Amino acid sequence: MGHEKTLTGLIAALAGANLIYGPGMLESGITFDFAQLVLDNEFARMIKHTVRGFVADDEGLAVDVIRAVGPGGHFLSQDHTLAHMREQSQPELIDRKSMEDWRQAGSTDIYQRAVEKARSILQTHRPPPLPADAATEIQSIIEETERELKVVK
């Protein structure tokens, strides 16, 4: 249920695959879990972020900043850090708080947070309607298939 899916997907993605099979599935596809789907979405974003790679030039590696800060310094107050911090993976469910902050926030595990997010999506998400021509085309395909298969209504 956890990051073994990330590792499995990452290995395939690094080898060139561009399709992830089975988001939300458990038990070899016998069971579907909305919270697992939410987790798998986060894992897929992380995989895409990793496969995208990074620029290994002086700016990307912060060579000048490392020289300026020196041993024992810190990078949090540097303009370069602020300019590039959003380039890092930005998970929604993985909790990177300190143990103390995590406890104060309720000590929820990743699955509990995924369940809450899945419930919120199911309760609040309203997808935009299909364009009229798309809905008509889908209905046409359904009716043609029903005629071919002699489906009785």
N, C-alpha and C. Protein backbone atom coordinates (compact mmCIF):
# COMPACT_ATOMS: atom_id res chain seq x y z
N MET A 1 0.82 -1.18 0.00
CA MET A 1 0.00 0.00 0.00
C MET A 1 0.86 1.25 0.00
N GLY A 2 2.08 1.13 0.40
CA GLY A 2 2.91 2.32 0.54
C GLY A 2 3.86 2.53 -0.61
N HIS A 3 5.06 2.88 -0.26
CA HIS A 3 6.03 3.30 -1.26
C HIS A 3 6.60 2.17 -2.10
N GLU A 4 6.23 0.92 -1.84
CA GLU A 4 6.66 -0.12 -2.77
C GLU A 4 6.09 0.14 -4.15
N LYS A 5 4.91 0.75 -4.22
CA LYS A 5 4.34 1.12 -5.51
C LYS A 5 5.17 2.22 -6.16
N THR A 6 5.68 3.14 -5.37
CA THR A 6 6.53 4.19 -5.92
C THR A 6 7.77 3.58 -6.53
N LEU A 7 8.41 2.68 -5.79
CA LEU A 7 9.64 2.08 -6.28
C LEU A 7 9.40 1.25 -7.54
N THR A 8 8.33 0.48 -7.55
CA THR A 8 8.01 -0.31 -8.73
C THR A 8 7.76 0.59 -9.94
N GLY A 9 6.99 1.63 -9.75
CA GLY A 9 6.70 2.56 -10.84
C GLY A 9 7.92 3.34 -11.27
N LEU A 10 8.76 3.73 -10.32
CA LEU A 10 9.95 4.52 -10.64
C LEU A 10 10.93 3.72 -11.49
N ILE A 11 11.13 2.48 -11.15
CA ILE A 11 12.06 1.64 -11.93
C ILE A 11 11.59 1.56 -13.38
N ALA A 12 10.31 1.31 -13.57
CA ALA A 12 9.76 1.23 -14.93
C ALA A 12 9.88 2.58 -15.64
N ALA A 13 9.59 3.67 -14.95
CA ALA A 13 9.65 5.00 -15.55
C ALA A 13 11.09 5.35 -15.94
N LEU A 14 12.04 5.01 -15.10
CA LEU A 14 13.45 5.29 -15.43
C LEU A 14 13.92 4.46 -16.62
N ALA A 15 13.26 3.33 -16.85
CA ALA A 15 13.59 2.50 -18.01
C ALA A 15 12.87 2.98 -19.27
N GLY A 16 11.99 4.00 -19.14
CA GLY A 16 11.34 4.58 -20.31
C GLY A 16 9.84 4.36 -20.39
N ALA A 17 9.25 3.59 -19.47
CA ALA A 17 7.80 3.39 -19.51
C ALA A 17 7.09 4.70 -19.22
N ASN A 18 5.95 4.91 -19.86
CA ASN A 18 5.19 6.14 -19.62
C ASN A 18 3.74 5.85 -19.26
N LEU A 19 3.49 4.66 -18.73
CA LEU A 19 2.15 4.27 -18.33
C LEU A 19 2.24 3.57 -16.98
N ILE A 20 1.40 3.99 -16.05
CA ILE A 20 1.35 3.33 -14.75
C ILE A 20 0.03 2.59 -14.68
N TYR A 21 0.09 1.31 -14.43
CA TYR A 21 -1.09 0.46 -14.39
C TYR A 21 -1.56 0.27 -12.95
N GLY A 22 -2.84 0.32 -12.73
CA GLY A 22 -3.43 -0.09 -11.48
C GLY A 22 -3.53 0.91 -10.36
N PRO A 23 -3.59 2.22 -10.64
CA PRO A 23 -3.79 3.14 -9.52
C PRO A 23 -5.06 2.81 -8.74
N GLY A 24 -4.95 2.76 -7.44
CA GLY A 24 -6.07 2.47 -6.58
C GLY A 24 -6.31 0.99 -6.33
N MET A 25 -5.58 0.15 -7.04
CA MET A 25 -5.81 -1.28 -6.91
C MET A 25 -4.96 -1.88 -5.79
N LEU A 26 -5.57 -2.85 -5.13
CA LEU A 26 -4.90 -3.65 -4.12
C LEU A 26 -5.15 -5.12 -4.44
N GLU A 27 -4.37 -5.99 -3.87
CA GLU A 27 -4.56 -7.43 -4.04
C GLU A 27 -4.60 -7.84 -5.51
N SER A 28 -3.62 -7.38 -6.27
CA SER A 28 -3.53 -7.70 -7.69
C SER A 28 -4.78 -7.32 -8.47
N GLY A 29 -5.41 -6.23 -8.07
CA GLY A 29 -6.57 -5.72 -8.78
C GLY A 29 -7.89 -6.28 -8.32
N ILE A 30 -7.88 -7.11 -7.30
CA ILE A 30 -9.14 -7.68 -6.79
C ILE A 30 -9.92 -6.62 -6.02
N THR A 31 -9.18 -5.72 -5.36
CA THR A 31 -9.80 -4.70 -4.52
C THR A 31 -9.42 -3.32 -5.02
N PHE A 32 -10.37 -2.40 -5.00
CA PHE A 32 -10.10 -1.00 -5.35
C PHE A 32 -10.34 -0.16 -4.11
N ASP A 33 -9.45 0.80 -3.89
CA ASP A 33 -9.52 1.64 -2.69
C ASP A 33 -9.31 3.09 -3.11
N PHE A 34 -10.29 3.95 -2.83
CA PHE A 34 -10.18 5.37 -3.21
C PHE A 34 -8.99 6.04 -2.53
N ALA A 35 -8.73 5.69 -1.27
CA ALA A 35 -7.57 6.28 -0.59
C ALA A 35 -6.28 5.84 -1.27
N GLN A 36 -6.22 4.59 -1.70
CA GLN A 36 -5.03 4.12 -2.41
C GLN A 36 -4.88 4.86 -3.74
N LEU A 37 -5.99 5.16 -4.39
CA LEU A 37 -5.93 5.94 -5.63
C LEU A 37 -5.32 7.31 -5.37
N VAL A 38 -5.73 7.94 -4.28
CA VAL A 38 -5.17 9.25 -3.91
C VAL A 38 -3.67 9.12 -3.63
N LEU A 39 -3.29 8.07 -2.90
CA LEU A 39 -1.86 7.83 -2.64
C LEU A 39 -1.10 7.60 -3.94
N ASP A 40 -1.64 6.75 -4.80
CA ASP A 40 -0.97 6.44 -6.06
C ASP A 40 -0.82 7.68 -6.93
N ASN A 41 -1.78 8.58 -6.87
CA ASN A 41 -1.66 9.84 -7.60
C ASN A 41 -0.46 10.63 -7.09
N GLU A 42 -0.29 10.69 -5.77
CA GLU A 42 0.86 11.38 -5.21
C GLU A 42 2.17 10.70 -5.62
N PHE A 43 2.18 9.37 -5.58
CA PHE A 43 3.38 8.64 -5.97
C PHE A 43 3.71 8.88 -7.44
N ALA A 44 2.68 8.91 -8.30
CA ALA A 44 2.90 9.15 -9.72
C ALA A 44 3.47 10.55 -9.96
N ARG A 45 2.99 11.54 -9.22
CA ARG A 45 3.56 12.90 -9.34
C ARG A 45 5.03 12.89 -8.95
N MET A 46 5.37 12.15 -7.90
CA MET A 46 6.77 12.07 -7.47
C MET A 46 7.63 11.39 -8.52
N ILE A 47 7.09 10.34 -9.12
CA ILE A 47 7.83 9.63 -10.18
C ILE A 47 8.06 10.57 -11.36
N LYS A 48 7.02 11.29 -11.79
CA LYS A 48 7.17 12.24 -12.90
C LYS A 48 8.21 13.31 -12.57
N HIS A 49 8.19 13.77 -11.33
CA HIS A 49 9.15 14.79 -10.90
C HIS A 49 10.58 14.24 -11.01
N THR A 50 10.78 13.01 -10.59
CA THR A 50 12.10 12.40 -10.62
C THR A 50 12.57 12.16 -12.05
N VAL A 51 11.68 11.63 -12.89
CA VAL A 51 12.05 11.31 -14.27
C VAL A 51 12.36 12.57 -15.07
N ARG A 52 11.69 13.66 -14.72
CA ARG A 52 11.94 14.94 -15.41
C ARG A 52 13.40 15.35 -15.28
N GLY A 53 14.03 14.97 -14.17
CA GLY A 53 15.44 15.27 -13.97
C GLY A 53 15.68 16.68 -13.47
N PHE A 54 16.94 17.08 -13.50
CA PHE A 54 17.32 18.41 -13.05
C PHE A 54 18.51 18.89 -13.86
N VAL A 55 18.71 20.19 -13.84
CA VAL A 55 19.81 20.80 -14.57
C VAL A 55 21.05 20.77 -13.69
N ALA A 56 22.12 20.22 -14.23
CA ALA A 56 23.37 20.10 -13.46
C ALA A 56 24.38 21.13 -13.95
N ASP A 57 23.97 22.41 -13.92
CA ASP A 57 24.91 23.47 -14.26
C ASP A 57 25.24 24.24 -12.97
N ASP A 58 26.07 25.27 -13.08
CA ASP A 58 26.48 26.00 -11.88
C ASP A 58 25.29 26.60 -11.14
N GLU A 59 24.29 27.10 -11.87
CA GLU A 59 23.10 27.67 -11.22
C GLU A 59 22.29 26.58 -10.52
N GLY A 60 22.03 25.51 -11.23
CA GLY A 60 21.24 24.41 -10.66
C GLY A 60 21.91 23.78 -9.45
N LEU A 61 23.21 23.69 -9.49
CA LEU A 61 23.95 23.09 -8.37
C LEU A 61 24.32 24.11 -7.30
N ALA A 62 24.01 25.36 -7.51
CA ALA A 62 24.27 26.44 -6.55
C ALA A 62 25.74 26.55 -6.18
N VAL A 63 26.60 26.41 -7.16
CA VAL A 63 28.04 26.43 -6.91
C VAL A 63 28.48 27.73 -6.23
N ASP A 64 28.05 28.87 -6.74
CA ASP A 64 28.45 30.16 -6.14
C ASP A 64 27.90 30.32 -4.73
N VAL A 65 26.67 29.85 -4.52
CA VAL A 65 26.06 29.96 -3.19
C VAL A 65 26.81 29.08 -2.19
N ILE A 66 27.18 27.90 -2.60
CA ILE A 66 27.94 27.00 -1.72
C ILE A 66 29.27 27.64 -1.34
N ARG A 67 29.92 28.24 -2.31
CA ARG A 67 31.19 28.93 -2.02
C ARG A 67 30.97 30.09 -1.03
N ALA A 68 29.91 30.88 -1.27
CA ALA A 68 29.65 32.05 -0.44
C ALA A 68 29.25 31.67 0.98
N VAL A 69 28.42 30.65 1.13
CA VAL A 69 27.95 30.25 2.45
C VAL A 69 29.06 29.57 3.23
N GLY A 70 29.80 28.71 2.58
CA GLY A 70 30.93 28.04 3.22
C GLY A 70 30.51 26.98 4.22
N PRO A 71 31.50 26.26 4.75
CA PRO A 71 31.23 25.19 5.73
C PRO A 71 30.56 25.76 6.98
N GLY A 72 29.57 25.07 7.46
CA GLY A 72 28.89 25.47 8.69
C GLY A 72 27.81 26.50 8.48
N GLY A 73 27.69 27.05 7.28
CA GLY A 73 26.65 28.03 7.00
C GLY A 73 25.34 27.35 6.67
N HIS A 74 24.32 28.16 6.40
CA HIS A 74 23.05 27.57 6.00
C HIS A 74 22.52 28.30 4.77
N PHE A 75 21.62 27.64 4.08
CA PHE A 75 21.14 28.11 2.79
C PHE A 75 19.74 28.70 2.84
N LEU A 76 19.06 28.59 3.96
CA LEU A 76 17.65 28.99 4.02
C LEU A 76 17.44 30.47 3.75
N SER A 77 18.39 31.31 4.10
CA SER A 77 18.21 32.75 3.90
C SER A 77 18.75 33.24 2.56
N GLN A 78 19.23 32.34 1.75
CA GLN A 78 19.82 32.72 0.47
C GLN A 78 18.74 32.94 -0.60
N ASP A 79 18.91 33.97 -1.42
CA ASP A 79 17.96 34.24 -2.52
C ASP A 79 17.84 33.04 -3.45
N HIS A 80 18.94 32.35 -3.69
CA HIS A 80 18.94 31.18 -4.57
C HIS A 80 18.00 30.10 -4.03
N THR A 81 18.04 29.87 -2.73
CA THR A 81 17.16 28.87 -2.12
C THR A 81 15.70 29.25 -2.33
N LEU A 82 15.37 30.49 -2.08
CA LEU A 82 14.00 30.96 -2.27
C LEU A 82 13.57 30.82 -3.73
N ALA A 83 14.46 31.15 -4.64
CA ALA A 83 14.14 31.10 -6.08
C ALA A 83 13.92 29.67 -6.57
N HIS A 84 14.57 28.70 -5.94
CA HIS A 84 14.53 27.32 -6.46
C HIS A 84 13.78 26.33 -5.57
N MET A 85 13.29 26.75 -4.42
CA MET A 85 12.71 25.78 -3.49
C MET A 85 11.46 25.10 -4.03
N ARG A 86 10.69 25.75 -4.88
CA ARG A 86 9.47 25.14 -5.42
C ARG A 86 9.77 24.10 -6.50
N GLU A 87 11.03 24.00 -6.91
CA GLU A 87 11.40 22.99 -7.89
C GLU A 87 11.48 21.61 -7.26
N GLN A 88 11.51 21.56 -5.95
CA GLN A 88 11.56 20.29 -5.25
C GLN A 88 10.18 19.64 -5.27
N SER A 89 10.16 18.35 -5.04
CA SER A 89 8.90 17.63 -4.95
C SER A 89 8.02 18.26 -3.88
N GLN A 90 6.74 18.45 -4.17
CA GLN A 90 5.81 19.09 -3.25
C GLN A 90 4.67 18.12 -2.92
N PRO A 91 4.94 17.11 -2.10
CA PRO A 91 3.87 16.15 -1.78
C PRO A 91 2.77 16.79 -0.96
N GLU A 92 1.56 16.27 -1.13
CA GLU A 92 0.42 16.75 -0.37
C GLU A 92 0.15 15.87 0.85
N LEU A 93 0.46 14.59 0.74
CA LEU A 93 0.11 13.64 1.80
C LEU A 93 1.30 13.19 2.63
N ILE A 94 2.46 13.17 2.04
CA ILE A 94 3.65 12.78 2.79
C ILE A 94 3.95 13.89 3.77
N ASP A 95 4.06 13.55 5.03
CA ASP A 95 4.22 14.52 6.10
C ASP A 95 5.70 14.67 6.44
N ARG A 96 6.23 15.84 6.22
CA ARG A 96 7.65 16.11 6.47
C ARG A 96 7.86 16.93 7.74
N LYS A 97 6.85 16.95 8.60
CA LYS A 97 6.97 17.69 9.85
C LYS A 97 7.92 16.97 10.80
N SER A 98 8.39 17.71 11.79
CA SER A 98 9.15 17.08 12.87
C SER A 98 8.18 16.20 13.65
N MET A 99 8.72 15.25 14.41
CA MET A 99 7.87 14.34 15.18
C MET A 99 6.97 15.13 16.13
N GLU A 100 7.51 16.16 16.76
CA GLU A 100 6.72 16.96 17.70
C GLU A 100 5.57 17.67 16.98
N ASP A 101 5.86 18.29 15.83
CA ASP A 101 4.80 18.97 15.07
C ASP A 101 3.76 17.99 14.56
N TRP A 102 4.20 16.80 14.15
CA TRP A 102 3.29 15.77 13.66
C TRP A 102 2.34 15.34 14.78
N ARG A 103 2.87 15.13 15.97
CA ARG A 103 2.03 14.76 17.11
C ARG A 103 1.02 15.85 17.43
N GLN A 104 1.47 17.10 17.42
CA GLN A 104 0.57 18.22 17.72
C GLN A 104 -0.52 18.38 16.66
N ALA A 105 -0.23 17.93 15.43
CA ALA A 105 -1.20 18.03 14.35
C ALA A 105 -2.16 16.83 14.30
N GLY A 106 -2.04 15.91 15.28
CA GLY A 106 -2.98 14.80 15.34
C GLY A 106 -2.41 13.43 15.09
N SER A 107 -1.13 13.33 14.76
CA SER A 107 -0.45 12.04 14.58
C SER A 107 -1.09 11.15 13.52
N THR A 108 -1.65 11.73 12.46
CA THR A 108 -2.28 10.91 11.43
C THR A 108 -1.22 10.28 10.54
N ASP A 109 -1.51 9.05 10.10
CA ASP A 109 -0.59 8.42 9.15
C ASP A 109 -1.03 8.77 7.73
N ILE A 110 -0.22 8.40 6.76
CA ILE A 110 -0.46 8.79 5.38
C ILE A 110 -1.78 8.22 4.86
N TYR A 111 -2.12 7.01 5.28
CA TYR A 111 -3.37 6.42 4.81
C TYR A 111 -4.58 7.19 5.36
N GLN A 112 -4.52 7.58 6.62
CA GLN A 112 -5.63 8.38 7.19
C GLN A 112 -5.80 9.69 6.42
N ARG A 113 -4.67 10.32 6.07
CA ARG A 113 -4.75 11.57 5.31
C ARG A 113 -5.31 11.31 3.91
N ALA A 114 -4.97 10.18 3.32
CA ALA A 114 -5.48 9.83 1.99
C ALA A 114 -6.99 9.56 2.04
N VAL A 115 -7.45 8.89 3.09
CA VAL A 115 -8.89 8.64 3.24
C VAL A 115 -9.63 9.97 3.33
N GLU A 116 -9.12 10.90 4.14
CA GLU A 116 -9.76 12.22 4.27
C GLU A 116 -9.80 12.95 2.94
N LYS A 117 -8.70 12.90 2.19
CA LYS A 117 -8.67 13.60 0.90
C LYS A 117 -9.63 12.94 -0.09
N ALA A 118 -9.67 11.60 -0.12
CA ALA A 118 -10.58 10.90 -1.03
C ALA A 118 -12.03 11.26 -0.70
N ARG A 119 -12.37 11.27 0.58
CA ARG A 119 -13.74 11.64 0.97
C ARG A 119 -14.06 13.06 0.55
N SER A 120 -13.11 13.96 0.73
CA SER A 120 -13.33 15.35 0.34
C SER A 120 -13.56 15.47 -1.16
N ILE A 121 -12.75 14.76 -1.95
CA ILE A 121 -12.90 14.79 -3.40
C ILE A 121 -14.29 14.26 -3.79
N LEU A 122 -14.67 13.12 -3.21
CA LEU A 122 -15.97 12.52 -3.55
C LEU A 122 -17.13 13.42 -3.16
N GLN A 123 -16.98 14.18 -2.08
CA GLN A 123 -18.07 15.04 -1.62
C GLN A 123 -18.13 16.38 -2.35
N THR A 124 -17.01 16.89 -2.81
CA THR A 124 -16.99 18.26 -3.31
C THR A 124 -16.67 18.42 -4.79
N HIS A 125 -16.02 17.44 -5.39
CA HIS A 125 -15.58 17.62 -6.79
C HIS A 125 -16.77 17.56 -7.74
N ARG A 126 -16.85 18.53 -8.59
CA ARG A 126 -17.87 18.58 -9.63
C ARG A 126 -17.17 18.77 -10.96
N PRO A 127 -16.98 17.68 -11.72
CA PRO A 127 -16.28 17.82 -13.00
C PRO A 127 -17.08 18.65 -13.97
N PRO A 128 -16.39 19.37 -14.84
CA PRO A 128 -17.14 20.15 -15.84
C PRO A 128 -17.85 19.18 -16.80
N PRO A 129 -19.00 19.57 -17.30
CA PRO A 129 -19.72 18.68 -18.22
C PRO A 129 -18.96 18.52 -19.53
N LEU A 130 -19.19 17.39 -20.17
CA LEU A 130 -18.61 17.16 -21.48
C LEU A 130 -19.21 18.14 -22.48
N PRO A 131 -18.43 18.51 -23.48
CA PRO A 131 -19.03 19.32 -24.55
C PRO A 131 -20.18 18.52 -25.20
N ALA A 132 -21.19 19.22 -25.66
CA ALA A 132 -22.37 18.56 -26.23
C ALA A 132 -22.01 17.58 -27.34
N ASP A 133 -21.07 17.95 -28.20
CA ASP A 133 -20.71 17.06 -29.31
C ASP A 133 -20.02 15.79 -28.80
N ALA A 134 -19.28 15.87 -27.71
CA ALA A 134 -18.62 14.69 -27.15
C ALA A 134 -19.67 13.75 -26.57
N ALA A 135 -20.63 14.29 -25.83
CA ALA A 135 -21.69 13.46 -25.25
C ALA A 135 -22.51 12.79 -26.36
N THR A 136 -22.78 13.51 -27.42
CA THR A 136 -23.52 12.95 -28.55
C THR A 136 -22.73 11.82 -29.21
N GLU A 137 -21.44 12.02 -29.40
CA GLU A 137 -20.58 10.99 -30.00
C GLU A 137 -20.52 9.74 -29.13
N ILE A 138 -20.38 9.92 -27.83
CA ILE A 138 -20.35 8.77 -26.92
C ILE A 138 -21.66 8.00 -27.00
N GLN A 139 -22.78 8.72 -26.98
CA GLN A 139 -24.08 8.07 -27.07
C GLN A 139 -24.22 7.31 -28.38
N SER A 140 -23.71 7.86 -29.46
CA SER A 140 -23.75 7.20 -30.76
C SER A 140 -22.95 5.89 -30.73
N ILE A 141 -21.80 5.92 -30.12
CA ILE A 141 -20.96 4.71 -30.00
C ILE A 141 -21.68 3.65 -29.19
N ILE A 142 -22.30 4.06 -28.09
CA ILE A 142 -23.04 3.12 -27.25
C ILE A 142 -24.18 2.47 -28.04
N GLU A 143 -24.95 3.29 -28.74
CA GLU A 143 -26.09 2.77 -29.50
C GLU A 143 -25.64 1.84 -30.61
N GLU A 144 -24.56 2.18 -31.30
CA GLU A 144 -24.04 1.31 -32.37
C GLU A 144 -23.58 -0.02 -31.80
N THR A 145 -22.89 0.02 -30.68
CA THR A 145 -22.41 -1.21 -30.04
C THR A 145 -23.57 -2.06 -29.56
N GLU A 146 -24.58 -1.43 -29.00
CA GLU A 146 -25.77 -2.17 -28.55
C GLU A 146 -26.45 -2.85 -29.73
N ARG A 147 -26.52 -2.16 -30.89
CA ARG A 147 -27.13 -2.78 -32.08
C ARG A 147 -26.30 -3.98 -32.53
N GLU A 148 -24.97 -3.80 -32.57
CA GLU A 148 -24.09 -4.90 -33.00
C GLU A 148 -24.20 -6.11 -32.08
N LEU A 149 -24.30 -5.85 -30.79
CA LEU A 149 -24.37 -6.94 -29.81
C LEU A 149 -25.79 -7.39 -29.53
N LYS A 150 -26.74 -6.75 -30.22
CA LYS A 150 -28.15 -7.07 -30.04
C LYS A 150 -28.58 -6.98 -28.58
N VAL A 151 -28.19 -5.88 -27.95
CA VAL A 151 -28.55 -5.62 -26.57
C VAL A 151 -30.01 -5.18 -26.52
N VAL A 152 -30.77 -5.85 -25.69
CA VAL A 152 -32.19 -5.49 -25.54
C VAL A 152 -32.33 -4.63 -24.30
N LYS A 153 -33.07 -3.55 -24.47
CA LYS A 153 -33.27 -2.64 -23.34
C LYS A 153 -34.57 -2.94 -22.64
